[in-house]
């Protein structure tokens, strides 16, 4: 299993919406793929507006294929998500085996 890691600096006052988007909206979308496993979210204790998400997939290729096949919906969700954070950084992929 592989993990796709992102770091977000969430806008003040948007924390609750950000959590909802990452606990429900993105996972609901990803669950349309049988290769998606789950999403974990962690809040930085030193800076409570910094969050890290880990989307778990069978492989990086599975995510890339899903993203390509569902590009329009992915981009629409991403656009909705952007209003909730000041910055986002793709940290990378990790091996969870």
PDB file of N, CA and C in Angstrom:
ATOM      1  N   UNK A   1       0.845  -1.167   0.000  1.00  0.00           N
ATOM      2  CA  UNK A   1       0.000   0.000   0.000  1.00  0.00           C
ATOM      3  C   UNK A   1       0.897   1.239   0.000  1.00  0.00           C
ATOM      4  N   UNK A   2       0.426   2.277  -0.667  1.00  0.00           N
ATOM      5  CA  UNK A   2       1.182   3.530  -0.777  1.00  0.00           C
ATOM      6  C   UNK A   2       0.357   4.678  -0.201  1.00  0.00           C
ATOM      7  N   UNK A   3       1.049   5.687   0.311  1.00  0.00           N
ATOM      8  CA  UNK A   3       0.395   6.863   0.877  1.00  0.00           C
ATOM      9  C   UNK A   3       0.787   8.120   0.126  1.00  0.00           C
ATOM     10  N   UNK A   4      -0.199   8.899  -0.233  1.00  0.00           N
ATOM     11  CA  UNK A   4      -0.005  10.175  -0.917  1.00  0.00           C
ATOM     12  C   UNK A   4      -0.153  11.281   0.134  1.00  0.00           C
ATOM     13  N   UNK A   5       0.949  11.958   0.453  1.00  0.00           N
ATOM     14  CA  UNK A   5       0.969  12.909   1.569  1.00  0.00           C
ATOM     15  C   UNK A   5       0.897  14.349   1.079  1.00  0.00           C
ATOM     16  N   UNK A   6       0.012  15.125   1.736  1.00  0.00           N
ATOM     17  CA  UNK A   6      -0.140  16.560   1.474  1.00  0.00           C
ATOM     18  C   UNK A   6      -0.088  17.327   2.789  1.00  0.00           C
ATOM     19  N   UNK A   7       0.481  18.532   2.751  1.00  0.00           N
ATOM     20  CA  UNK A   7       0.492  19.439   3.900  1.00  0.00           C
ATOM     21  C   UNK A   7      -0.284  20.695   3.520  1.00  0.00           C
ATOM     22  N   UNK A   8      -1.200  21.101   4.396  1.00  0.00           N
ATOM     23  CA  UNK A   8      -2.050  22.261   4.142  1.00  0.00           C
ATOM     24  C   UNK A   8      -1.945  23.268   5.282  1.00  0.00           C
ATOM     25  N   UNK A   9      -1.912  24.547   4.929  1.00  0.00           N
ATOM     26  CA  UNK A   9      -2.013  25.636   5.893  1.00  0.00           C
ATOM     27  C   UNK A   9      -3.415  26.200   5.726  1.00  0.00           C
ATOM     28  N   UNK A  10      -4.284  25.829   6.660  1.00  0.00           N
ATOM     29  CA  UNK A  10      -5.708  26.123   6.557  1.00  0.00           C
ATOM     30  C   UNK A  10      -5.993  27.554   7.007  1.00  0.00           C
ATOM     31  N   UNK A  11      -6.900  28.200   6.281  1.00  0.00           N
ATOM     32  CA  UNK A  11      -7.292  29.574   6.630  1.00  0.00           C
ATOM     33  C   UNK A  11      -7.977  29.591   7.988  1.00  0.00           C
ATOM     34  N   UNK A  12      -7.716  30.642   8.736  1.00  0.00           N
ATOM     35  CA  UNK A  12      -8.344  30.796  10.034  1.00  0.00           C
ATOM     36  C   UNK A  12      -9.860  30.782   9.874  1.00  0.00           C
ATOM     37  N   UNK A  13     -10.515  30.011  10.710  1.00  0.00           N
ATOM     38  CA  UNK A  13     -11.964  29.896  10.661  1.00  0.00           C
ATOM     39  C   UNK A  13     -12.476  28.845   9.696  1.00  0.00           C
ATOM     40  N   UNK A  14     -11.589  28.217   8.931  1.00  0.00           N
ATOM     41  CA  UNK A  14     -12.001  27.204   7.946  1.00  0.00           C
ATOM     42  C   UNK A  14     -11.645  25.783   8.387  1.00  0.00           C
ATOM     43  N   UNK A  15     -11.174  25.647   9.603  1.00  0.00           N
ATOM     44  CA  UNK A  15     -10.701  24.348  10.067  1.00  0.00           C
ATOM     45  C   UNK A  15     -11.803  23.279  10.014  1.00  0.00           C
ATOM     46  N   UNK A  16     -12.988  23.612  10.471  1.00  0.00           N
ATOM     47  CA  UNK A  16     -14.087  22.638  10.507  1.00  0.00           C
ATOM     48  C   UNK A  16     -14.474  22.196   9.092  1.00  0.00           C
ATOM     49  N   UNK A  17     -14.574  23.150   8.179  1.00  0.00           N
ATOM     50  CA  UNK A  17     -14.909  22.822   6.789  1.00  0.00           C
ATOM     51  C   UNK A  17     -13.812  21.982   6.140  1.00  0.00           C
ATOM     52  N   UNK A  18     -12.552  22.332   6.446  1.00  0.00           N
ATOM     53  CA  UNK A  18     -11.427  21.577   5.909  1.00  0.00           C
ATOM     54  C   UNK A  18     -11.494  20.119   6.369  1.00  0.00           C
ATOM     55  N   UNK A  19     -11.764  19.925   7.658  1.00  0.00           N
ATOM     56  CA  UNK A  19     -11.853  18.563   8.186  1.00  0.00           C
ATOM     57  C   UNK A  19     -12.994  17.802   7.518  1.00  0.00           C
ATOM     58  N   UNK A  20     -14.130  18.446   7.338  1.00  0.00           N
ATOM     59  CA  UNK A  20     -15.272  17.790   6.688  1.00  0.00           C
ATOM     60  C   UNK A  20     -14.929  17.397   5.258  1.00  0.00           C
ATOM     61  N   UNK A  21     -14.259  18.275   4.559  1.00  0.00           N
ATOM     62  CA  UNK A  21     -13.882  17.993   3.167  1.00  0.00           C
ATOM     63  C   UNK A  21     -12.957  16.780   3.099  1.00  0.00           C
ATOM     64  N   UNK A  22     -12.052  16.667   4.061  1.00  0.00           N
ATOM     65  CA  UNK A  22     -11.066  15.588   4.042  1.00  0.00           C
ATOM     66  C   UNK A  22     -11.518  14.325   4.755  1.00  0.00           C
ATOM     67  N   UNK A  23     -12.571  14.412   5.531  1.00  0.00           N
ATOM     68  CA  UNK A  23     -13.110  13.217   6.187  1.00  0.00           C
ATOM     69  C   UNK A  23     -14.268  12.615   5.407  1.00  0.00           C
ATOM     70  N   UNK A  24     -14.946  13.439   4.595  1.00  0.00           N
ATOM     71  CA  UNK A  24     -16.118  12.937   3.878  1.00  0.00           C
ATOM     72  C   UNK A  24     -16.013  13.115   2.367  1.00  0.00           C
ATOM     73  N   UNK A  25     -15.845  14.336   1.912  1.00  0.00           N
ATOM     74  CA  UNK A  25     -15.956  14.627   0.480  1.00  0.00           C
ATOM     75  C   UNK A  25     -14.905  13.908  -0.344  1.00  0.00           C
ATOM     76  N   UNK A  26     -13.639  14.100  -0.007  1.00  0.00           N
ATOM     77  CA  UNK A  26     -12.581  13.423  -0.775  1.00  0.00           C
ATOM     78  C   UNK A  26     -12.689  11.903  -0.652  1.00  0.00           C
ATOM     79  N   UNK A  27     -12.817  11.350   0.562  1.00  0.00           N
ATOM     80  CA  UNK A  27     -12.945   9.892   0.650  1.00  0.00           C
ATOM     81  C   UNK A  27     -14.155   9.339  -0.115  1.00  0.00           C
ATOM     82  N   UNK A  28     -15.288  10.039  -0.061  1.00  0.00           N
ATOM     83  CA  UNK A  28     -16.457   9.574  -0.814  1.00  0.00           C
ATOM     84  C   UNK A  28     -16.147   9.510  -2.304  1.00  0.00           C
ATOM     85  N   UNK A  29     -15.440  10.504  -2.791  1.00  0.00           N
ATOM     86  CA  UNK A  29     -15.044  10.523  -4.200  1.00  0.00           C
ATOM     87  C   UNK A  29     -14.057   9.394  -4.505  1.00  0.00           C
ATOM     88  N   UNK A  30     -13.017   9.276  -3.676  1.00  0.00           N
ATOM     89  CA  UNK A  30     -12.009   8.248  -3.905  1.00  0.00           C
ATOM     90  C   UNK A  30     -12.577   6.832  -3.791  1.00  0.00           C
ATOM     91  N   UNK A  31     -13.597   6.651  -2.939  1.00  0.00           N
ATOM     92  CA  UNK A  31     -14.163   5.314  -2.724  1.00  0.00           C
ATOM     93  C   UNK A  31     -14.828   4.743  -3.963  1.00  0.00           C
ATOM     94  N   UNK A  32     -14.981   5.542  -4.989  1.00  0.00           N
ATOM     95  CA  UNK A  32     -15.510   4.991  -6.237  1.00  0.00           C
ATOM     96  C   UNK A  32     -14.465   4.107  -6.918  1.00  0.00           C
ATOM     97  N   UNK A  33     -13.237   4.126  -6.408  1.00  0.00           N
ATOM     98  CA  UNK A  33     -12.186   3.235  -6.902  1.00  0.00           C
ATOM     99  C   UNK A  33     -12.014   2.068  -5.928  1.00  0.00           C
ATOM    100  N   UNK A  34     -11.964   0.846  -6.435  1.00  0.00           N
ATOM    101  CA  UNK A  34     -11.710  -0.290  -5.550  1.00  0.00           C
ATOM    102  C   UNK A  34     -10.261  -0.335  -5.045  1.00  0.00           C
ATOM    103  N   UNK A  35      -9.402   0.541  -5.551  1.00  0.00           N
ATOM    104  CA  UNK A  35      -7.987   0.570  -5.171  1.00  0.00           C
ATOM    105  C   UNK A  35      -7.670   1.590  -4.070  1.00  0.00           C
ATOM    106  N   UNK A  36      -8.653   2.405  -3.713  1.00  0.00           N
ATOM    107  CA  UNK A  36      -8.496   3.374  -2.628  1.00  0.00           C
ATOM    108  C   UNK A  36      -8.769   2.671  -1.310  1.00  0.00           C
ATOM    109  N   UNK A  37      -7.995   3.000  -0.279  1.00  0.00           N
ATOM    110  CA  UNK A  37      -8.153   2.352   1.023  1.00  0.00           C
ATOM    111  C   UNK A  37      -8.709   3.272   2.106  1.00  0.00           C
ATOM    112  N   UNK A  38      -8.102   4.440   2.302  1.00  0.00           N
ATOM    113  CA  UNK A  38      -8.573   5.345   3.362  1.00  0.00           C
ATOM    114  C   UNK A  38      -7.779   6.646   3.311  1.00  0.00           C
ATOM    115  N   UNK A  39      -8.223   7.602   4.129  1.00  0.00           N
ATOM    116  CA  UNK A  39      -7.502   8.865   4.288  1.00  0.00           C
ATOM    117  C   UNK A  39      -7.315   9.132   5.780  1.00  0.00           C
ATOM    118  N   UNK A  40      -6.104   9.474   6.156  1.00  0.00           N
ATOM    119  CA  UNK A  40      -5.801   9.897   7.526  1.00  0.00           C
ATOM    120  C   UNK A  40      -5.508  11.388   7.514  1.00  0.00           C
ATOM    121  N   UNK A  41      -5.915  12.060   8.588  1.00  0.00           N
ATOM    122  CA  UNK A  41      -5.669  13.496   8.731  1.00  0.00           C
ATOM    123  C   UNK A  41      -5.021  13.717  10.088  1.00  0.00           C
ATOM    124  N   UNK A  42      -3.981  14.552  10.110  1.00  0.00           N
ATOM    125  CA  UNK A  42      -3.311  14.890  11.364  1.00  0.00           C
ATOM    126  C   UNK A  42      -3.144  16.400  11.443  1.00  0.00           C
ATOM    127  N   UNK A  43      -3.397  16.941  12.638  1.00  0.00           N
ATOM    128  CA  UNK A  43      -3.214  18.371  12.876  1.00  0.00           C
ATOM    129  C   UNK A  43      -1.891  18.578  13.611  1.00  0.00           C
ATOM    130  N   UNK A  44      -1.113  19.541  13.168  1.00  0.00           N
ATOM    131  CA  UNK A  44       0.156  19.876  13.798  1.00  0.00           C
ATOM    132  C   UNK A  44      -0.124  20.497  15.172  1.00  0.00           C
ATOM    133  N   UNK A  45       0.409  19.922  16.213  1.00  0.00           N
ATOM    134  CA  UNK A  45       0.150  20.421  17.567  1.00  0.00           C
ATOM    135  C   UNK A  45       0.827  21.755  17.845  1.00  0.00           C
ATOM    136  N   UNK A  46       1.919  22.047  17.138  1.00  0.00           N
ATOM    137  CA  UNK A  46       2.617  23.313  17.317  1.00  0.00           C
ATOM    138  C   UNK A  46       1.961  24.445  16.533  1.00  0.00           C
ATOM    139  N   UNK A  47       1.274  24.107  15.463  1.00  0.00           N
ATOM    140  CA  UNK A  47       0.568  25.088  14.641  1.00  0.00           C
ATOM    141  C   UNK A  47      -0.756  24.465  14.230  1.00  0.00           C
ATOM    142  N   UNK A  48      -1.839  24.723  14.991  1.00  0.00           N
ATOM    143  CA  UNK A  48      -3.102  24.026  14.772  1.00  0.00           C
ATOM    144  C   UNK A  48      -3.813  24.335  13.459  1.00  0.00           C
ATOM    145  N   UNK A  49      -3.266  25.200  12.632  1.00  0.00           N
ATOM    146  CA  UNK A  49      -3.847  25.436  11.312  1.00  0.00           C
ATOM    147  C   UNK A  49      -3.077  24.703  10.219  1.00  0.00           C
ATOM    148  N   UNK A  50      -2.104  23.891  10.610  1.00  0.00           N
ATOM    149  CA  UNK A  50      -1.355  23.074   9.652  1.00  0.00           C
ATOM    150  C   UNK A  50      -1.828  21.626   9.796  1.00  0.00           C
ATOM    151  N   UNK A  51      -2.234  21.050   8.662  1.00  0.00           N
ATOM    152  CA  UNK A  51      -2.736  19.685   8.624  1.00  0.00           C
ATOM    153  C   UNK A  51      -1.941  18.885   7.596  1.00  0.00           C
ATOM    154  N   UNK A  52      -1.839  17.598   7.863  1.00  0.00           N
ATOM    155  CA  UNK A  52      -1.232  16.664   6.920  1.00  0.00           C
ATOM    156  C   UNK A  52      -2.276  15.593   6.623  1.00  0.00           C
ATOM    157  N   UNK A  53      -2.441  15.294   5.333  1.00  0.00           N
ATOM    158  CA  UNK A  53      -3.348  14.214   4.940  1.00  0.00           C
ATOM    159  C   UNK A  53      -2.544  13.118   4.259  1.00  0.00           C
ATOM    160  N   UNK A  54      -2.979  11.890   4.468  1.00  0.00           N
ATOM    161  CA  UNK A  54      -2.374  10.729   3.808  1.00  0.00           C
ATOM    162  C   UNK A  54      -3.507   9.931   3.178  1.00  0.00           C
ATOM    163  N   UNK A  55      -3.559   9.961   1.856  1.00  0.00           N
ATOM    164  CA  UNK A  55      -4.530   9.162   1.110  1.00  0.00           C
ATOM    165  C   UNK A  55      -3.868   7.838   0.775  1.00  0.00           C
ATOM    166  N   UNK A  56      -4.495   6.736   1.206  1.00  0.00           N
ATOM    167  CA  UNK A  56      -3.899   5.410   1.034  1.00  0.00           C
ATOM    168  C   UNK A  56      -4.512   4.714  -0.176  1.00  0.00           C
ATOM    169  N   UNK A  57      -3.608   4.261  -1.058  1.00  0.00           N
ATOM    170  CA  UNK A  57      -3.986   3.575  -2.293  1.00  0.00           C
ATOM    171  C   UNK A  57      -3.186   2.286  -2.403  1.00  0.00           C
ATOM    172  N   UNK A  58      -3.691   1.346  -3.189  1.00  0.00           N
ATOM    173  CA  UNK A  58      -2.930   0.122  -3.423  1.00  0.00           C
ATOM    174  C   UNK A  58      -1.580   0.445  -4.057  1.00  0.00           C
ATOM    175  N   UNK A  59      -1.566   1.443  -4.954  1.00  0.00           N
ATOM    176  CA  UNK A  59      -0.313   1.858  -5.580  1.00  0.00           C
ATOM    177  C   UNK A  59      -0.451   3.294  -6.077  1.00  0.00           C
ATOM    178  N   UNK A  60       0.665   3.920  -6.330  1.00  0.00           N
ATOM    179  CA  UNK A  60       0.672   5.265  -6.906  1.00  0.00           C
ATOM    180  C   UNK A  60       0.026   5.242  -8.292  1.00  0.00           C
ATOM    181  N   UNK A  61       0.284   4.198  -9.040  1.00  0.00           N
ATOM    182  CA  UNK A  61      -0.288   4.066 -10.382  1.00  0.00           C
ATOM    183  C   UNK A  61      -1.813   3.993 -10.324  1.00  0.00           C
ATOM    184  N   UNK A  62      -2.359   3.316  -9.294  1.00  0.00           N
ATOM    185  CA  UNK A  62      -3.813   3.235  -9.146  1.00  0.00           C
ATOM    186  C   UNK A  62      -4.412   4.625  -8.952  1.00  0.00           C
ATOM    187  N   UNK A  63      -3.760   5.438  -8.130  1.00  0.00           N
ATOM    188  CA  UNK A  63      -4.237   6.807  -7.937  1.00  0.00           C
ATOM    189  C   UNK A  63      -4.153   7.587  -9.247  1.00  0.00           C
ATOM    190  N   UNK A  64      -3.026   7.495  -9.917  1.00  0.00           N
ATOM    191  CA  UNK A  64      -2.836   8.247 -11.159  1.00  0.00           C
ATOM    192  C   UNK A  64      -3.860   7.856 -12.221  1.00  0.00           C
ATOM    193  N   UNK A  65      -4.165   6.571 -12.328  1.00  0.00           N
ATOM    194  CA  UNK A  65      -5.181   6.119 -13.277  1.00  0.00           C
ATOM    195  C   UNK A  65      -6.568   6.642 -12.888  1.00  0.00           C
ATOM    196  N   UNK A  66      -6.872   6.584 -11.594  1.00  0.00           N
ATOM    197  CA  UNK A  66      -8.154   7.096 -11.110  1.00  0.00           C
ATOM    198  C   UNK A  66      -8.261   8.592 -11.387  1.00  0.00           C
ATOM    199  N   UNK A  67      -7.203   9.318 -11.077  1.00  0.00           N
ATOM    200  CA  UNK A  67      -7.193  10.761 -11.279  1.00  0.00           C
ATOM    201  C   UNK A  67      -7.382  11.100 -12.762  1.00  0.00           C
ATOM    202  N   UNK A  68      -6.720  10.390 -13.622  1.00  0.00           N
ATOM    203  CA  UNK A  68      -6.838  10.634 -15.063  1.00  0.00           C
ATOM    204  C   UNK A  68      -8.256  10.344 -15.550  1.00  0.00           C
ATOM    205  N   UNK A  69      -8.838   9.246 -15.088  1.00  0.00           N
ATOM    206  CA  UNK A  69     -10.174   8.856 -15.520  1.00  0.00           C
ATOM    207  C   UNK A  69     -11.263   9.770 -14.955  1.00  0.00           C
ATOM    208  N   UNK A  70     -10.965  10.445 -13.843  1.00  0.00           N
ATOM    209  CA  UNK A  70     -11.954  11.289 -13.167  1.00  0.00           C
ATOM    210  C   UNK A  70     -11.470  12.730 -13.052  1.00  0.00           C
ATOM    211  N   UNK A  71     -10.702  13.172 -14.024  1.00  0.00           N
ATOM    212  CA  UNK A  71     -10.007  14.466 -13.961  1.00  0.00           C
ATOM    213  C   UNK A  71     -10.944  15.645 -13.717  1.00  0.00           C
ATOM    214  N   UNK A  72     -12.078  15.714 -14.423  1.00  0.00           N
ATOM    215  CA  UNK A  72     -12.980  16.857 -14.266  1.00  0.00           C
ATOM    216  C   UNK A  72     -13.535  16.956 -12.848  1.00  0.00           C
ATOM    217  N   UNK A  73     -13.976  15.837 -12.293  1.00  0.00           N
ATOM    218  CA  UNK A  73     -14.505  15.823 -10.927  1.00  0.00           C
ATOM    219  C   UNK A  73     -13.395  16.148  -9.924  1.00  0.00           C
ATOM    220  N   UNK A  74     -12.194  15.596 -10.155  1.00  0.00           N
ATOM    221  CA  UNK A  74     -11.051  15.860  -9.281  1.00  0.00           C
ATOM    222  C   UNK A  74     -10.745  17.362  -9.255  1.00  0.00           C
ATOM    223  N   UNK A  75     -10.690  17.970 -10.422  1.00  0.00           N
ATOM    224  CA  UNK A  75     -10.390  19.404 -10.501  1.00  0.00           C
ATOM    225  C   UNK A  75     -11.474  20.249  -9.863  1.00  0.00           C
ATOM    226  N   UNK A  76     -12.740  19.845 -10.000  1.00  0.00           N
ATOM    227  CA  UNK A  76     -13.843  20.580  -9.372  1.00  0.00           C
ATOM    228  C   UNK A  76     -13.749  20.506  -7.849  1.00  0.00           C
ATOM    229  N   UNK A  77     -13.458  19.329  -7.303  1.00  0.00           N
ATOM    230  CA  UNK A  77     -13.286  19.192  -5.856  1.00  0.00           C
ATOM    231  C   UNK A  77     -12.076  19.983  -5.375  1.00  0.00           C
ATOM    232  N   UNK A  78     -11.004  19.919  -6.129  1.00  0.00           N
ATOM    233  CA  UNK A  78      -9.794  20.661  -5.779  1.00  0.00           C
ATOM    234  C   UNK A  78     -10.085  22.162  -5.725  1.00  0.00           C
ATOM    235  N   UNK A  79     -10.857  22.658  -6.675  1.00  0.00           N
ATOM    236  CA  UNK A  79     -11.213  24.083  -6.698  1.00  0.00           C
ATOM    237  C   UNK A  79     -12.030  24.456  -5.459  1.00  0.00           C
ATOM    238  N   UNK A  80     -12.990  23.623  -5.082  1.00  0.00           N
ATOM    239  CA  UNK A  80     -13.778  23.857  -3.858  1.00  0.00           C
ATOM    240  C   UNK A  80     -12.876  23.840  -2.623  1.00  0.00           C
ATOM    241  N   UNK A  81     -11.927  22.938  -2.605  1.00  0.00           N
ATOM    242  CA  UNK A  81     -11.016  22.749  -1.474  1.00  0.00           C
ATOM    243  C   UNK A  81     -10.080  23.951  -1.301  1.00  0.00           C
ATOM    244  N   UNK A  82      -9.655  24.556  -2.422  1.00  0.00           N
ATOM    245  CA  UNK A  82      -8.692  25.661  -2.381  1.00  0.00           C
ATOM    246  C   UNK A  82      -9.163  26.846  -1.552  1.00  0.00           C
ATOM    247  N   UNK A  83     -10.458  27.044  -1.461  1.00  0.00           N
ATOM    248  CA  UNK A  83     -10.984  28.179  -0.699  1.00  0.00           C
ATOM    249  C   UNK A  83     -10.765  28.020   0.806  1.00  0.00           C
ATOM    250  N   UNK A  84     -10.362  26.841   1.241  1.00  0.00           N
ATOM    251  CA  UNK A  84     -10.224  26.555   2.667  1.00  0.00           C
ATOM    252  C   UNK A  84      -8.794  26.675   3.188  1.00  0.00           C
ATOM    253  N   UNK A  85      -7.813  26.799   2.290  1.00  0.00           N
ATOM    254  CA  UNK A  85      -6.433  26.851   2.765  1.00  0.00           C
ATOM    255  C   UNK A  85      -5.641  27.964   2.089  1.00  0.00           C
ATOM    256  N   UNK A  86      -4.579  28.370   2.788  1.00  0.00           N
ATOM    257  CA  UNK A  86      -3.682  29.413   2.276  1.00  0.00           C
ATOM    258  C   UNK A  86      -2.614  28.834   1.360  1.00  0.00           C
ATOM    259  N   UNK A  87      -2.164  27.619   1.683  1.00  0.00           N
ATOM    260  CA  UNK A  87      -1.161  26.973   0.850  1.00  0.00           C
ATOM    261  C   UNK A  87      -1.271  25.464   1.001  1.00  0.00           C
ATOM    262  N   UNK A  88      -0.792  24.782  -0.021  1.00  0.00           N
ATOM    263  CA  UNK A  88      -0.756  23.321  -0.020  1.00  0.00           C
ATOM    264  C   UNK A  88       0.564  22.887  -0.636  1.00  0.00           C
ATOM    265  N   UNK A  89       1.083  21.795  -0.099  1.00  0.00           N
ATOM    266  CA  UNK A  89       2.347  21.270  -0.611  1.00  0.00           C
ATOM    267  C   UNK A  89       2.244  19.758  -0.687  1.00  0.00           C
ATOM    268  N   UNK A  90       2.527  19.225  -1.873  1.00  0.00           N
ATOM    269  CA  UNK A  90       2.575  17.775  -2.013  1.00  0.00           C
ATOM    270  C   UNK A  90       3.900  17.303  -1.444  1.00  0.00           C
ATOM    271  N   UNK A  91       3.846  16.564  -0.363  1.00  0.00           N
ATOM    272  CA  UNK A  91       5.058  16.081   0.303  1.00  0.00           C
ATOM    273  C   UNK A  91       5.650  14.919  -0.478  1.00  0.00           C
ATOM    274  N   UNK A  92       4.784  14.037  -0.985  1.00  0.00           N
ATOM    275  CA  UNK A  92       5.248  12.908  -1.779  1.00  0.00           C
ATOM    276  C   UNK A  92       4.513  11.630  -1.440  1.00  0.00           C
ATOM    277  N   UNK A  93       5.020  10.567  -2.000  1.00  0.00           N
ATOM    278  CA  UNK A  93       4.452   9.236  -1.781  1.00  0.00           C
ATOM    279  C   UNK A  93       5.319   8.461  -0.813  1.00  0.00           C
ATOM    280  N   UNK A  94       4.677   7.646   0.028  1.00  0.00           N
ATOM    281  CA  UNK A  94       5.418   6.802   0.959  1.00  0.00           C
ATOM    282  C   UNK A  94       4.947   5.351   0.822  1.00  0.00           C
ATOM    283  N   UNK A  95       5.805   4.444   1.202  1.00  0.00           N
ATOM    284  CA  UNK A  95       5.490   3.024   1.204  1.00  0.00           C
ATOM    285  C   UNK A  95       4.937   2.682   2.581  1.00  0.00           C
ATOM    286  N   UNK A  96       3.742   2.121   2.640  1.00  0.00           N
ATOM    287  CA  UNK A  96       3.109   1.804   3.913  1.00  0.00           C
ATOM    288  C   UNK A  96       3.129   0.299   4.222  1.00  0.00           C
ATOM    289  N   UNK A  97       3.939  -0.429   3.522  1.00  0.00           N
ATOM    290  CA  UNK A  97       4.006  -1.888   3.732  1.00  0.00           C
ATOM    291  C   UNK A  97       4.922  -2.247   4.860  1.00  0.00           C
TER     292      UNK A  97
END
